[in-house]
mmCIF file of all heavy atoms, coordinates in Angstrom:
data_MODEL
# 
_entry.id   MODEL 
# 
loop_
_atom_site.group_PDB 
_atom_site.id 
_atom_site.type_symbol 
_atom_site.label_atom_id 
_atom_site.label_alt_id 
_atom_site.label_comp_id 
_atom_site.label_asym_id 
_atom_site.label_entity_id 
_atom_site.label_seq_id 
_atom_site.pdbx_PDB_ins_code 
_atom_site.Cartn_x 
_atom_site.Cartn_y 
_atom_site.Cartn_z 
_atom_site.occupancy 
_atom_site.B_iso_or_equiv 
_atom_site.pdbx_formal_charge 
_atom_site.auth_seq_id 
_atom_site.auth_comp_id 
_atom_site.auth_asym_id 
_atom_site.auth_atom_id 
_atom_site.pdbx_PDB_model_num 
ATOM 1   N N   . LYS A 1 1  ? 0.883   -1.250 -0.009  1.00 0.00 ? 1  LYS A N   1 
ATOM 2   C CA  . LYS A 1 1  ? 0.066   0.040  0.010   1.00 0.00 ? 1  LYS A CA  1 
ATOM 3   C C   . LYS A 1 1  ? 0.891   1.195  0.004   1.00 0.00 ? 1  LYS A C   1 
ATOM 4   O O   . LYS A 1 1  ? 1.798   1.383  0.946   1.00 0.00 ? 1  LYS A O   1 
ATOM 5   C CB  . LYS A 1 1  ? -0.847  -0.010 1.213   1.00 0.00 ? 1  LYS A CB  1 
ATOM 6   C CG  . LYS A 1 1  ? -1.976  1.147  1.169   1.00 0.00 ? 1  LYS A CG  1 
ATOM 7   C CD  . LYS A 1 1  ? -2.942  1.099  2.344   1.00 0.00 ? 1  LYS A CD  1 
ATOM 8   C CE  . LYS A 1 1  ? -3.873  2.147  2.357   1.00 0.00 ? 1  LYS A CE  1 
ATOM 9   N NZ  . LYS A 1 1  ? -4.915  2.162  3.523   1.00 0.00 ? 1  LYS A NZ  1 
ATOM 10  N N   . VAL A 1 2  ? 0.774   2.036  -1.072  1.00 0.00 ? 2  VAL A N   1 
ATOM 11  C CA  . VAL A 1 2  ? 1.695   3.090  -1.315  1.00 0.00 ? 2  VAL A CA  1 
ATOM 12  C C   . VAL A 1 2  ? 1.160   4.497  -1.273  1.00 0.00 ? 2  VAL A C   1 
ATOM 13  O O   . VAL A 1 2  ? 0.052   4.700  -1.873  1.00 0.00 ? 2  VAL A O   1 
ATOM 14  C CB  . VAL A 1 2  ? 2.488   2.842  -2.683  1.00 0.00 ? 2  VAL A CB  1 
ATOM 15  C CG1 . VAL A 1 2  ? 3.599   3.940  -2.840  1.00 0.00 ? 2  VAL A CG1 1 
ATOM 16  C CG2 . VAL A 1 2  ? 3.000   1.470  -2.820  1.00 0.00 ? 2  VAL A CG2 1 
ATOM 17  N N   . GLU A 1 3  ? 1.638   5.313  -0.577  1.00 0.00 ? 3  GLU A N   1 
ATOM 18  C CA  . GLU A 1 3  ? 1.349   6.704  -0.505  1.00 0.00 ? 3  GLU A CA  1 
ATOM 19  C C   . GLU A 1 3  ? 2.170   7.495  -1.482  1.00 0.00 ? 3  GLU A C   1 
ATOM 20  O O   . GLU A 1 3  ? 3.449   7.641  -1.225  1.00 0.00 ? 3  GLU A O   1 
ATOM 21  C CB  . GLU A 1 3  ? 1.393   7.349  0.936   1.00 0.00 ? 3  GLU A CB  1 
ATOM 22  C CG  . GLU A 1 3  ? 0.893   8.749  1.026   1.00 0.00 ? 3  GLU A CG  1 
ATOM 23  C CD  . GLU A 1 3  ? 0.838   9.258  2.462   1.00 0.00 ? 3  GLU A CD  1 
ATOM 24  O OE1 . GLU A 1 3  ? -0.051  8.917  3.212   1.00 0.00 ? 3  GLU A OE1 1 
ATOM 25  O OE2 . GLU A 1 3  ? 1.850   9.844  2.793   1.00 0.00 ? 3  GLU A OE2 1 
ATOM 26  N N   . VAL A 1 4  ? 1.561   8.130  -2.543  1.00 0.00 ? 4  VAL A N   1 
ATOM 27  C CA  . VAL A 1 4  ? 2.351   8.839  -3.563  1.00 0.00 ? 4  VAL A CA  1 
ATOM 28  C C   . VAL A 1 4  ? 2.142   10.205 -3.432  1.00 0.00 ? 4  VAL A C   1 
ATOM 29  O O   . VAL A 1 4  ? 0.977   10.617 -3.515  1.00 0.00 ? 4  VAL A O   1 
ATOM 30  C CB  . VAL A 1 4  ? 1.962   8.239  -4.951  1.00 0.00 ? 4  VAL A CB  1 
ATOM 31  C CG1 . VAL A 1 4  ? 2.991   8.848  -6.066  1.00 0.00 ? 4  VAL A CG1 1 
ATOM 32  C CG2 . VAL A 1 4  ? 2.011   6.738  -4.996  1.00 0.00 ? 4  VAL A CG2 1 
ATOM 33  N N   . THR A 1 5  ? 3.223   11.162 -3.343  1.00 0.00 ? 5  THR A N   1 
ATOM 34  C CA  . THR A 1 5  ? 3.012   12.582 -3.159  1.00 0.00 ? 5  THR A CA  1 
ATOM 35  C C   . THR A 1 5  ? 3.806   13.269 -4.258  1.00 0.00 ? 5  THR A C   1 
ATOM 36  O O   . THR A 1 5  ? 4.948   12.884 -4.526  1.00 0.00 ? 5  THR A O   1 
ATOM 37  C CB  . THR A 1 5  ? 3.556   12.829 -1.874  1.00 0.00 ? 5  THR A CB  1 
ATOM 38  O OG1 . THR A 1 5  ? 2.811   12.271 -0.828  1.00 0.00 ? 5  THR A OG1 1 
ATOM 39  C CG2 . THR A 1 5  ? 3.304   14.361 -1.593  1.00 0.00 ? 5  THR A CG2 1 
ATOM 40  N N   . MET A 1 6  ? 3.188   14.294 -4.887  1.00 0.00 ? 6  MET A N   1 
ATOM 41  C CA  . MET A 1 6  ? 3.964   15.254 -5.809  1.00 0.00 ? 6  MET A CA  1 
ATOM 42  C C   . MET A 1 6  ? 4.064   16.496 -5.061  1.00 0.00 ? 6  MET A C   1 
ATOM 43  O O   . MET A 1 6  ? 3.156   17.128 -4.560  1.00 0.00 ? 6  MET A O   1 
ATOM 44  C CB  . MET A 1 6  ? 3.118   15.448 -7.056  1.00 0.00 ? 6  MET A CB  1 
ATOM 45  C CG  . MET A 1 6  ? 3.839   16.414 -7.971  1.00 0.00 ? 6  MET A CG  1 
ATOM 46  S SD  . MET A 1 6  ? 2.849   16.649 -9.592  1.00 0.00 ? 6  MET A SD  1 
ATOM 47  C CE  . MET A 1 6  ? 3.293   15.096 -10.316 1.00 0.00 ? 6  MET A CE  1 
ATOM 48  N N   . ASP A 1 7  ? 5.418   17.020 -4.920  1.00 0.00 ? 7  ASP A N   1 
ATOM 49  C CA  . ASP A 1 7  ? 5.664   18.199 -4.318  1.00 0.00 ? 7  ASP A CA  1 
ATOM 50  C C   . ASP A 1 7  ? 5.209   19.423 -4.980  1.00 0.00 ? 7  ASP A C   1 
ATOM 51  O O   . ASP A 1 7  ? 5.180   19.350 -6.362  1.00 0.00 ? 7  ASP A O   1 
ATOM 52  C CB  . ASP A 1 7  ? 7.266   18.330 -4.176  1.00 0.00 ? 7  ASP A CB  1 
ATOM 53  C CG  . ASP A 1 7  ? 7.900   17.419 -3.036  1.00 0.00 ? 7  ASP A CG  1 
ATOM 54  O OD1 . ASP A 1 7  ? 7.073   16.566 -2.609  1.00 0.00 ? 7  ASP A OD1 1 
ATOM 55  O OD2 . ASP A 1 7  ? 8.942   17.551 -2.700  1.00 0.00 ? 7  ASP A OD2 1 
ATOM 56  N N   . ARG A 1 8  ? 4.833   20.394 -4.263  1.00 0.00 ? 8  ARG A N   1 
ATOM 57  C CA  . ARG A 1 8  ? 4.209   21.564 -4.932  1.00 0.00 ? 8  ARG A CA  1 
ATOM 58  C C   . ARG A 1 8  ? 5.469   22.466 -5.404  1.00 0.00 ? 8  ARG A C   1 
ATOM 59  O O   . ARG A 1 8  ? 6.608   22.333 -5.002  1.00 0.00 ? 8  ARG A O   1 
ATOM 60  C CB  . ARG A 1 8  ? 3.418   22.501 -3.838  1.00 0.00 ? 8  ARG A CB  1 
ATOM 61  C CG  . ARG A 1 8  ? 2.205   21.780 -3.413  1.00 0.00 ? 8  ARG A CG  1 
ATOM 62  C CD  . ARG A 1 8  ? 1.461   22.622 -2.455  1.00 0.00 ? 8  ARG A CD  1 
ATOM 63  N NE  . ARG A 1 8  ? 0.392   21.895 -1.856  1.00 0.00 ? 8  ARG A NE  1 
ATOM 64  C CZ  . ARG A 1 8  ? -0.934  21.711 -2.518  1.00 0.00 ? 8  ARG A CZ  1 
ATOM 65  N NH1 . ARG A 1 8  ? -1.083  22.351 -3.711  1.00 0.00 ? 8  ARG A NH1 1 
ATOM 66  N NH2 . ARG A 1 8  ? -1.954  20.991 -1.998  1.00 0.00 ? 8  ARG A NH2 1 
ATOM 67  N N   . ALA A 1 9  ? 5.237   23.181 -6.466  1.00 0.00 ? 9  ALA A N   1 
ATOM 68  C CA  . ALA A 1 9  ? 6.230   24.117 -7.003  1.00 0.00 ? 9  ALA A CA  1 
ATOM 69  C C   . ALA A 1 9  ? 5.544   25.322 -7.506  1.00 0.00 ? 9  ALA A C   1 
ATOM 70  O O   . ALA A 1 9  ? 4.354   25.419 -7.807  1.00 0.00 ? 9  ALA A O   1 
ATOM 71  C CB  . ALA A 1 9  ? 7.013   23.328 -8.073  1.00 0.00 ? 9  ALA A CB  1 
ATOM 72  N N   . ASP A 1 10 ? 6.435   26.514 -7.703  1.00 0.00 ? 10 ASP A N   1 
ATOM 73  C CA  . ASP A 1 10 ? 5.786   27.695 -8.092  1.00 0.00 ? 10 ASP A CA  1 
ATOM 74  C C   . ASP A 1 10 ? 5.212   27.672 -9.498  1.00 0.00 ? 10 ASP A C   1 
ATOM 75  O O   . ASP A 1 10 ? 4.339   28.547 -9.877  1.00 0.00 ? 10 ASP A O   1 
ATOM 76  C CB  . ASP A 1 10 ? 6.945   28.778 -7.943  1.00 0.00 ? 10 ASP A CB  1 
ATOM 77  C CG  . ASP A 1 10 ? 7.307   29.161 -6.510  1.00 0.00 ? 10 ASP A CG  1 
ATOM 78  O OD1 . ASP A 1 10 ? 6.448   28.836 -5.686  1.00 0.00 ? 10 ASP A OD1 1 
ATOM 79  O OD2 . ASP A 1 10 ? 8.350   29.607 -6.153  1.00 0.00 ? 10 ASP A OD2 1 
ATOM 80  N N   . TRP A 1 11 ? 5.821   26.863 -10.372 1.00 0.00 ? 11 TRP A N   1 
ATOM 81  C CA  . TRP A 1 11 ? 5.480   27.056 -11.824 1.00 0.00 ? 11 TRP A CA  1 
ATOM 82  C C   . TRP A 1 11 ? 4.197   26.171 -12.126 1.00 0.00 ? 11 TRP A C   1 
ATOM 83  O O   . TRP A 1 11 ? 3.773   26.427 -13.343 1.00 0.00 ? 11 TRP A O   1 
ATOM 84  C CB  . TRP A 1 11 ? 6.696   26.533 -12.642 1.00 0.00 ? 11 TRP A CB  1 
ATOM 85  C CG  . TRP A 1 11 ? 7.156   25.095 -12.366 1.00 0.00 ? 11 TRP A CG  1 
ATOM 86  C CD1 . TRP A 1 11 ? 8.060   24.508 -11.646 1.00 0.00 ? 11 TRP A CD1 1 
ATOM 87  C CD2 . TRP A 1 11 ? 6.592   23.953 -13.105 1.00 0.00 ? 11 TRP A CD2 1 
ATOM 88  N NE1 . TRP A 1 11 ? 8.101   23.126 -11.699 1.00 0.00 ? 11 TRP A NE1 1 
ATOM 89  C CE2 . TRP A 1 11 ? 7.290   22.796 -12.610 1.00 0.00 ? 11 TRP A CE2 1 
ATOM 90  C CE3 . TRP A 1 11 ? 5.652   23.774 -14.131 1.00 0.00 ? 11 TRP A CE3 1 
ATOM 91  C CZ2 . TRP A 1 11 ? 6.957   21.517 -13.115 1.00 0.00 ? 11 TRP A CZ2 1 
ATOM 92  C CZ3 . TRP A 1 11 ? 5.278   22.509 -14.552 1.00 0.00 ? 11 TRP A CZ3 1 
ATOM 93  C CH2 . TRP A 1 11 ? 6.059   21.417 -14.057 1.00 0.00 ? 11 TRP A CH2 1 
ATOM 94  N N   . PHE A 1 12 ? 3.702   25.450 -11.238 1.00 0.00 ? 12 PHE A N   1 
ATOM 95  C CA  . PHE A 1 12 ? 2.359   24.723 -11.612 1.00 0.00 ? 12 PHE A CA  1 
ATOM 96  C C   . PHE A 1 12 ? 1.432   24.711 -10.367 1.00 0.00 ? 12 PHE A C   1 
ATOM 97  O O   . PHE A 1 12 ? 1.832   24.906 -9.264  1.00 0.00 ? 12 PHE A O   1 
ATOM 98  C CB  . PHE A 1 12 ? 2.674   23.278 -12.074 1.00 0.00 ? 12 PHE A CB  1 
ATOM 99  C CG  . PHE A 1 12 ? 3.094   22.259 -11.057 1.00 0.00 ? 12 PHE A CG  1 
ATOM 100 C CD1 . PHE A 1 12 ? 2.166   21.646 -10.287 1.00 0.00 ? 12 PHE A CD1 1 
ATOM 101 C CD2 . PHE A 1 12 ? 4.356   22.110 -10.739 1.00 0.00 ? 12 PHE A CD2 1 
ATOM 102 C CE1 . PHE A 1 12 ? 2.485   20.713 -9.316  1.00 0.00 ? 12 PHE A CE1 1 
ATOM 103 C CE2 . PHE A 1 12 ? 4.920   21.188 -9.899  1.00 0.00 ? 12 PHE A CE2 1 
ATOM 104 C CZ  . PHE A 1 12 ? 3.880   20.519 -8.957  1.00 0.00 ? 12 PHE A CZ  1 
ATOM 105 N N   . ALA A 1 13 ? 0.179   24.394 -10.680 1.00 0.00 ? 13 ALA A N   1 
ATOM 106 C CA  . ALA A 1 13 ? -0.727  24.353 -9.676  1.00 0.00 ? 13 ALA A CA  1 
ATOM 107 C C   . ALA A 1 13 ? -1.583  23.201 -9.825  1.00 0.00 ? 13 ALA A C   1 
ATOM 108 O O   . ALA A 1 13 ? -1.974  22.840 -11.038 1.00 0.00 ? 13 ALA A O   1 
ATOM 109 C CB  . ALA A 1 13 ? -1.705  25.643 -9.629  1.00 0.00 ? 13 ALA A CB  1 
ATOM 110 N N   . PHE A 1 14 ? -2.106  22.505 -8.831  1.00 0.00 ? 14 PHE A N   1 
ATOM 111 C CA  . PHE A 1 14 ? -2.858  21.289 -9.080  1.00 0.00 ? 14 PHE A CA  1 
ATOM 112 C C   . PHE A 1 14 ? -4.307  21.772 -9.442  1.00 0.00 ? 14 PHE A C   1 
ATOM 113 O O   . PHE A 1 14 ? -4.927  22.804 -8.976  1.00 0.00 ? 14 PHE A O   1 
ATOM 114 C CB  . PHE A 1 14 ? -3.022  20.437 -7.691  1.00 0.00 ? 14 PHE A CB  1 
ATOM 115 C CG  . PHE A 1 14 ? -1.646  19.792 -7.383  1.00 0.00 ? 14 PHE A CG  1 
ATOM 116 C CD1 . PHE A 1 14 ? -0.884  20.314 -6.373  1.00 0.00 ? 14 PHE A CD1 1 
ATOM 117 C CD2 . PHE A 1 14 ? -1.236  18.702 -7.972  1.00 0.00 ? 14 PHE A CD2 1 
ATOM 118 C CE1 . PHE A 1 14 ? 0.308   19.832 -6.007  1.00 0.00 ? 14 PHE A CE1 1 
ATOM 119 C CE2 . PHE A 1 14 ? -0.062  18.100 -7.779  1.00 0.00 ? 14 PHE A CE2 1 
ATOM 120 C CZ  . PHE A 1 14 ? 0.668   18.649 -6.665  1.00 0.00 ? 14 PHE A CZ  1 
ATOM 121 N N   . ILE A 1 15 ? -4.944  20.921 -10.401 1.00 0.00 ? 15 ILE A N   1 
ATOM 122 C CA  . ILE A 1 15 ? -6.246  21.226 -10.834 1.00 0.00 ? 15 ILE A CA  1 
ATOM 123 C C   . ILE A 1 15 ? -7.367  21.132 -9.883  1.00 0.00 ? 15 ILE A C   1 
ATOM 124 O O   . ILE A 1 15 ? -8.136  21.973 -9.700  1.00 0.00 ? 15 ILE A O   1 
ATOM 125 C CB  . ILE A 1 15 ? -6.574  20.318 -12.088 1.00 0.00 ? 15 ILE A CB  1 
ATOM 126 C CG1 . ILE A 1 15 ? -5.584  20.500 -13.274 1.00 0.00 ? 15 ILE A CG1 1 
ATOM 127 C CG2 . ILE A 1 15 ? -7.976  20.627 -12.595 1.00 0.00 ? 15 ILE A CG2 1 
ATOM 128 C CD1 . ILE A 1 15 ? -5.690  19.559 -14.392 1.00 0.00 ? 15 ILE A CD1 1 
ATOM 129 N N   . GLU A 1 16 ? -7.224  20.142 -8.923  1.00 0.00 ? 16 GLU A N   1 
ATOM 130 C CA  . GLU A 1 16 ? -8.196  19.970 -7.828  1.00 0.00 ? 16 GLU A CA  1 
ATOM 131 C C   . GLU A 1 16 ? -7.481  20.289 -6.438  1.00 0.00 ? 16 GLU A C   1 
ATOM 132 O O   . GLU A 1 16 ? -6.345  19.917 -6.356  1.00 0.00 ? 16 GLU A O   1 
ATOM 133 C CB  . GLU A 1 16 ? -8.752  18.612 -7.948  1.00 0.00 ? 16 GLU A CB  1 
ATOM 134 C CG  . GLU A 1 16 ? -9.606  18.403 -9.222  1.00 0.00 ? 16 GLU A CG  1 
ATOM 135 C CD  . GLU A 1 16 ? -10.111 16.875 -9.217  1.00 0.00 ? 16 GLU A CD  1 
ATOM 136 O OE1 . GLU A 1 16 ? -9.852  16.211 -8.190  1.00 0.00 ? 16 GLU A OE1 1 
ATOM 137 O OE2 . GLU A 1 16 ? -10.728 16.517 -10.195 1.00 0.00 ? 16 GLU A OE2 1 
ATOM 138 N N   . PRO A 1 17 ? -8.158  20.760 -5.570  1.00 0.00 ? 17 PRO A N   1 
ATOM 139 C CA  . PRO A 1 17 ? -7.533  20.879 -4.168  1.00 0.00 ? 17 PRO A CA  1 
ATOM 140 C C   . PRO A 1 17 ? -7.132  19.583 -3.579  1.00 0.00 ? 17 PRO A C   1 
ATOM 141 O O   . PRO A 1 17 ? -7.770  18.554 -3.835  1.00 0.00 ? 17 PRO A O   1 
ATOM 142 C CB  . PRO A 1 17 ? -8.719  21.534 -3.326  1.00 0.00 ? 17 PRO A CB  1 
ATOM 143 C CG  . PRO A 1 17 ? -9.583  22.184 -4.410  1.00 0.00 ? 17 PRO A CG  1 
ATOM 144 C CD  . PRO A 1 17 ? -9.546  21.336 -5.654  1.00 0.00 ? 17 PRO A CD  1 
ATOM 145 N N   . ASN A 1 18 ? -6.071  19.545 -2.853  1.00 0.00 ? 18 ASN A N   1 
ATOM 146 C CA  . ASN A 1 18 ? -5.486  18.393 -2.192  1.00 0.00 ? 18 ASN A CA  1 
ATOM 147 C C   . ASN A 1 18 ? -5.225  17.218 -3.062  1.00 0.00 ? 18 ASN A C   1 
ATOM 148 O O   . ASN A 1 18 ? -5.454  16.089 -2.832  1.00 0.00 ? 18 ASN A O   1 
ATOM 149 C CB  . ASN A 1 18 ? -6.584  17.934 -1.119  1.00 0.00 ? 18 ASN A CB  1 
ATOM 150 C CG  . ASN A 1 18 ? -6.821  19.022 -0.183  1.00 0.00 ? 18 ASN A CG  1 
ATOM 151 O OD1 . ASN A 1 18 ? -5.998  19.641 0.388   1.00 0.00 ? 18 ASN A OD1 1 
ATOM 152 N ND2 . ASN A 1 18 ? -8.110  19.058 0.379   1.00 0.00 ? 18 ASN A ND2 1 
ATOM 153 N N   . GLN A 1 19 ? -4.791  17.620 -4.389  1.00 0.00 ? 19 GLN A N   1 
ATOM 154 C CA  . GLN A 1 19 ? -4.456  16.461 -5.403  1.00 0.00 ? 19 GLN A CA  1 
ATOM 155 C C   . GLN A 1 19 ? -2.992  16.154 -5.442  1.00 0.00 ? 19 GLN A C   1 
ATOM 156 O O   . GLN A 1 19 ? -2.652  15.436 -6.258  1.00 0.00 ? 19 GLN A O   1 
ATOM 157 C CB  . GLN A 1 19 ? -4.944  17.074 -6.796  1.00 0.00 ? 19 GLN A CB  1 
ATOM 158 C CG  . GLN A 1 19 ? -5.139  15.848 -7.668  1.00 0.00 ? 19 GLN A CG  1 
ATOM 159 C CD  . GLN A 1 19 ? -5.668  16.413 -9.180  1.00 0.00 ? 19 GLN A CD  1 
ATOM 160 O OE1 . GLN A 1 19 ? -5.642  17.678 -9.347  1.00 0.00 ? 19 GLN A OE1 1 
ATOM 161 N NE2 . GLN A 1 19 ? -6.142  15.556 -9.986  1.00 0.00 ? 19 GLN A NE2 1 
ATOM 162 N N   . SER A 1 20 ? -2.340  16.626 -4.414  1.00 0.00 ? 20 SER A N   1 
ATOM 163 C CA  . SER A 1 20 ? -0.901  16.365 -4.379  1.00 0.00 ? 20 SER A CA  1 
ATOM 164 C C   . SER A 1 20 ? -0.508  15.123 -3.809  1.00 0.00 ? 20 SER A C   1 
ATOM 165 O O   . SER A 1 20 ? 0.543   14.656 -3.839  1.00 0.00 ? 20 SER A O   1 
ATOM 166 C CB  . SER A 1 20 ? -0.182  17.442 -3.621  1.00 0.00 ? 20 SER A CB  1 
ATOM 167 O OG  . SER A 1 20 ? -0.696  17.399 -2.200  1.00 0.00 ? 20 SER A OG  1 
ATOM 168 N N   . ARG A 1 21 ? -1.593  14.292 -3.306  1.00 0.00 ? 21 ARG A N   1 
ATOM 169 C CA  . ARG A 1 21 ? -1.290  12.980 -2.639  1.00 0.00 ? 21 ARG A CA  1 
ATOM 170 C C   . ARG A 1 21 ? -2.332  11.905 -3.151  1.00 0.00 ? 21 ARG A C   1 
ATOM 171 O O   . ARG A 1 21 ? -3.503  12.199 -3.310  1.00 0.00 ? 21 ARG A O   1 
ATOM 172 C CB  . ARG A 1 21 ? -1.371  13.145 -1.187  1.00 0.00 ? 21 ARG A CB  1 
ATOM 173 C CG  . ARG A 1 21 ? -1.033  11.859 -0.403  1.00 0.00 ? 21 ARG A CG  1 
ATOM 174 C CD  . ARG A 1 21 ? -0.954  12.176 1.084   1.00 0.00 ? 21 ARG A CD  1 
ATOM 175 N NE  . ARG A 1 21 ? 0.141   13.159 1.411   1.00 0.00 ? 21 ARG A NE  1 
ATOM 176 C CZ  . ARG A 1 21 ? 0.360   13.626 2.503   1.00 0.00 ? 21 ARG A CZ  1 
ATOM 177 N NH1 . ARG A 1 21 ? -0.248  13.236 3.600   1.00 0.00 ? 21 ARG A NH1 1 
ATOM 178 N NH2 . ARG A 1 21 ? 1.396   14.478 2.776   1.00 0.00 ? 21 ARG A NH2 1 
ATOM 179 N N   . ARG A 1 22 ? -1.819  10.802 -3.419  1.00 0.00 ? 22 ARG A N   1 
ATOM 180 C CA  . ARG A 1 22 ? -2.492  9.692  -3.864  1.00 0.00 ? 22 ARG A CA  1 
ATOM 181 C C   . ARG A 1 22 ? -2.282  8.404  -3.110  1.00 0.00 ? 22 ARG A C   1 
ATOM 182 O O   . ARG A 1 22 ? -1.020  8.272  -2.687  1.00 0.00 ? 22 ARG A O   1 
ATOM 183 C CB  . ARG A 1 22 ? -2.411  9.436  -5.405  1.00 0.00 ? 22 ARG A CB  1 
ATOM 184 C CG  . ARG A 1 22 ? -3.033  10.468 -6.229  1.00 0.00 ? 22 ARG A CG  1 
ATOM 185 C CD  . ARG A 1 22 ? -4.617  10.441 -6.358  1.00 0.00 ? 22 ARG A CD  1 
ATOM 186 N NE  . ARG A 1 22 ? -5.137  11.323 -7.234  1.00 0.00 ? 22 ARG A NE  1 
ATOM 187 C CZ  . ARG A 1 22 ? -5.659  12.468 -6.881  1.00 0.00 ? 22 ARG A CZ  1 
ATOM 188 N NH1 . ARG A 1 22 ? -5.570  12.981 -5.568  1.00 0.00 ? 22 ARG A NH1 1 
ATOM 189 N NH2 . ARG A 1 22 ? -6.203  13.296 -7.641  1.00 0.00 ? 22 ARG A NH2 1 
ATOM 190 N N   . THR A 1 23 ? -3.148  7.501  -3.014  1.00 0.00 ? 23 THR A N   1 
ATOM 191 C CA  . THR A 1 23 ? -2.788  6.147  -2.350  1.00 0.00 ? 23 THR A CA  1 
ATOM 192 C C   . THR A 1 23 ? -3.241  5.002  -3.288  1.00 0.00 ? 23 THR A C   1 
ATOM 193 O O   . THR A 1 23 ? -4.251  5.014  -3.818  1.00 0.00 ? 23 THR A O   1 
ATOM 194 C CB  . THR A 1 23 ? -3.601  5.961  -1.027  1.00 0.00 ? 23 THR A CB  1 
ATOM 195 O OG1 . THR A 1 23 ? -3.179  7.000  -0.127  1.00 0.00 ? 23 THR A OG1 1 
ATOM 196 C CG2 . THR A 1 23 ? -3.188  4.645  -0.313  1.00 0.00 ? 23 THR A CG2 1 
ATOM 197 N N   . VAL A 1 24 ? -2.207  4.179  -3.559  1.00 0.00 ? 24 VAL A N   1 
ATOM 198 C CA  . VAL A 1 24 ? -2.414  3.097  -4.510  1.00 0.00 ? 24 VAL A CA  1 
ATOM 199 C C   . VAL A 1 24 ? -2.062  1.700  -3.866  1.00 0.00 ? 24 VAL A C   1 
ATOM 200 O O   . VAL A 1 24 ? -1.195  1.783  -2.957  1.00 0.00 ? 24 VAL A O   1 
ATOM 201 C CB  . VAL A 1 24 ? -1.789  3.273  -5.855  1.00 0.00 ? 24 VAL A CB  1 
ATOM 202 C CG1 . VAL A 1 24 ? -2.408  4.514  -6.570  1.00 0.00 ? 24 VAL A CG1 1 
ATOM 203 C CG2 . VAL A 1 24 ? -0.204  3.296  -5.619  1.00 0.00 ? 24 VAL A CG2 1 
# 
């Protein structure tokens, strides 16, 4: 069970709120 996180950066924004973390 894996928690996958994309770090935030100034040059992009996530389309949906709290979309920086996924669990698969």
